[in-house]
Amino acid sequence: MEENNLNLSQEELARLLEEAKRKAQEMLDKMTPEERARAEAEAQRRIAEDQASMQQLIDEAKRVAGPAPEAEKAPNFCRNCGAKAGGGKFCEYCGSKL
């Protein structure tokens, strides 16, 4: 792509995409079945390499970031009066913070 402008309109992006699709189809039409099969195999190989590379980046990011902090669990019972806790932040019976 000759243009390096990152501020392309949606219409311009759509036009560029259609142009790329047209050129790709023209190239495919010129290929023999054997060439197409080789190109497909190469594309699949590159996709697999990219996926492996992305997974390595994700695994490394997880390792660097460390384990995700666990969400603080609300107690099952009020620590003040012993009543079963509802779903809120305060006891429904005595009003104490859970």
Protein backbone atom coordinates (compact mmCIF):
# COMPACT_ATOMS: atom_id res chain seq x y z
CA MET A 1 0.00 0.00 0.00
CA GLU A 2 1.47 3.31 -1.07
CA GLU A 3 -0.41 5.43 1.43
CA ASN A 4 0.81 5.64 5.03
CA ASN A 5 -1.93 7.99 6.22
CA LEU A 6 -3.49 6.62 9.39
CA ASN A 7 -6.45 8.98 9.14
CA LEU A 8 -8.23 7.27 6.25
CA SER A 9 -11.99 7.53 6.02
CA GLN A 10 -14.19 4.45 6.18
CA GLU A 11 -14.93 4.87 2.47
CA GLU A 12 -11.23 5.01 1.61
CA LEU A 13 -10.50 1.94 3.74
CA ALA A 14 -13.35 0.07 2.03
CA ARG A 15 -12.01 1.09 -1.39
CA LEU A 16 -8.50 -0.07 -0.50
CA LEU A 17 -9.85 -3.37 0.81
CA GLU A 18 -11.82 -4.00 -2.37
CA GLU A 19 -8.77 -3.15 -4.47
CA ALA A 20 -6.62 -5.59 -2.47
CA LYS A 21 -9.27 -8.30 -2.85
CA ARG A 22 -9.42 -7.72 -6.60
CA LYS A 23 -5.61 -7.93 -6.95
CA ALA A 24 -5.48 -11.08 -4.83
CA GLN A 25 -8.16 -12.72 -6.95
CA GLU A 26 -6.29 -11.78 -10.14
CA MET A 27 -3.15 -13.42 -8.76
CA LEU A 28 -5.07 -16.55 -7.77
CA ASP A 29 -6.66 -16.76 -11.21
CA LYS A 30 -3.20 -16.80 -12.81
CA MET A 31 -1.95 -19.67 -10.62
CA THR A 32 -2.01 -23.33 -11.48
CA PRO A 33 -3.74 -25.68 -9.02
CA GLU A 34 -0.32 -26.83 -7.80
CA GLU A 35 0.84 -23.24 -7.21
CA ARG A 36 -2.39 -22.49 -5.35
CA ALA A 37 -1.90 -25.56 -3.16
CA ARG A 38 1.67 -24.50 -2.34
CA ALA A 39 0.52 -20.95 -1.58
CA GLU A 40 -2.25 -22.28 0.67
CA ALA A 41 0.20 -24.53 2.53
CA GLU A 42 2.61 -21.62 2.99
CA ALA A 43 -0.19 -19.38 4.23
CA GLN A 44 -1.28 -22.04 6.75
CA ARG A 45 2.32 -22.44 7.93
CA ARG A 46 2.67 -18.69 8.46
CA ILE A 47 -0.67 -18.51 10.28
CA ALA A 48 0.47 -21.29 12.62
CA GLU A 49 3.77 -19.48 13.26
CA ASP A 50 1.93 -16.23 13.99
CA GLN A 51 -0.45 -17.98 16.39
CA ALA A 52 2.47 -19.62 18.21
CA SER A 53 4.24 -16.28 18.43
CA MET A 54 1.13 -14.57 19.80
CA GLN A 55 0.67 -17.32 22.38
CA GLN A 56 4.29 -16.89 23.49
CA LEU A 57 3.68 -13.15 23.93
CA ILE A 58 0.52 -13.82 25.92
CA ASP A 59 2.28 -16.39 28.12
CA GLU A 60 5.19 -14.00 28.73
CA ALA A 61 2.81 -11.15 29.59
CA LYS A 62 1.00 -13.41 32.07
CA ARG A 63 4.31 -14.43 33.60
CA VAL A 64 5.48 -10.82 33.96
CA ALA A 65 2.14 -9.59 35.28
CA GLY A 66 1.86 -12.39 37.81
CA PRO A 67 -1.31 -14.08 38.92
CA ALA A 68 -4.54 -12.11 38.74
CA PRO A 69 -5.68 -10.89 42.13
CA GLU A 70 -8.64 -12.90 43.34
CA ALA A 71 -11.83 -11.00 43.94
CA GLU A 72 -12.51 -10.44 47.61
CA LYS A 73 -15.32 -12.76 48.63
CA ALA A 74 -18.17 -11.44 50.69
CA PRO A 75 -18.65 -13.32 53.96
CA ASN A 76 -21.51 -15.83 54.16
CA PHE A 77 -22.55 -14.56 57.58
CA CYS A 78 -22.50 -11.20 59.30
CA ARG A 79 -19.50 -10.94 61.63
CA ASN A 80 -21.49 -8.74 63.99
CA CYS A 81 -24.80 -10.57 64.49
CA GLY A 82 -24.25 -13.91 62.74
CA ALA A 83 -27.19 -13.51 60.34
CA LYS A 84 -26.88 -15.03 56.89
CA ALA A 85 -25.48 -12.40 54.55
CA GLY A 86 -27.53 -11.28 51.55
CA GLY A 87 -25.92 -9.97 48.40
CA GLY A 88 -25.20 -6.44 49.60
CA LYS A 89 -22.35 -4.71 51.38
CA PHE A 90 -24.25 -4.35 54.64
CA CYS A 91 -26.06 -6.82 56.88
CA GLU A 92 -29.81 -6.80 56.26
CA TYR A 93 -30.52 -7.34 59.96
CA CYS A 94 -28.08 -5.19 61.95
CA GLY A 95 -26.70 -2.88 59.25
CA SER A 96 -23.04 -3.71 59.90
CA LYS A 97 -20.65 -3.56 57.00
CA LEU A 98 -19.97 -7.05 55.66
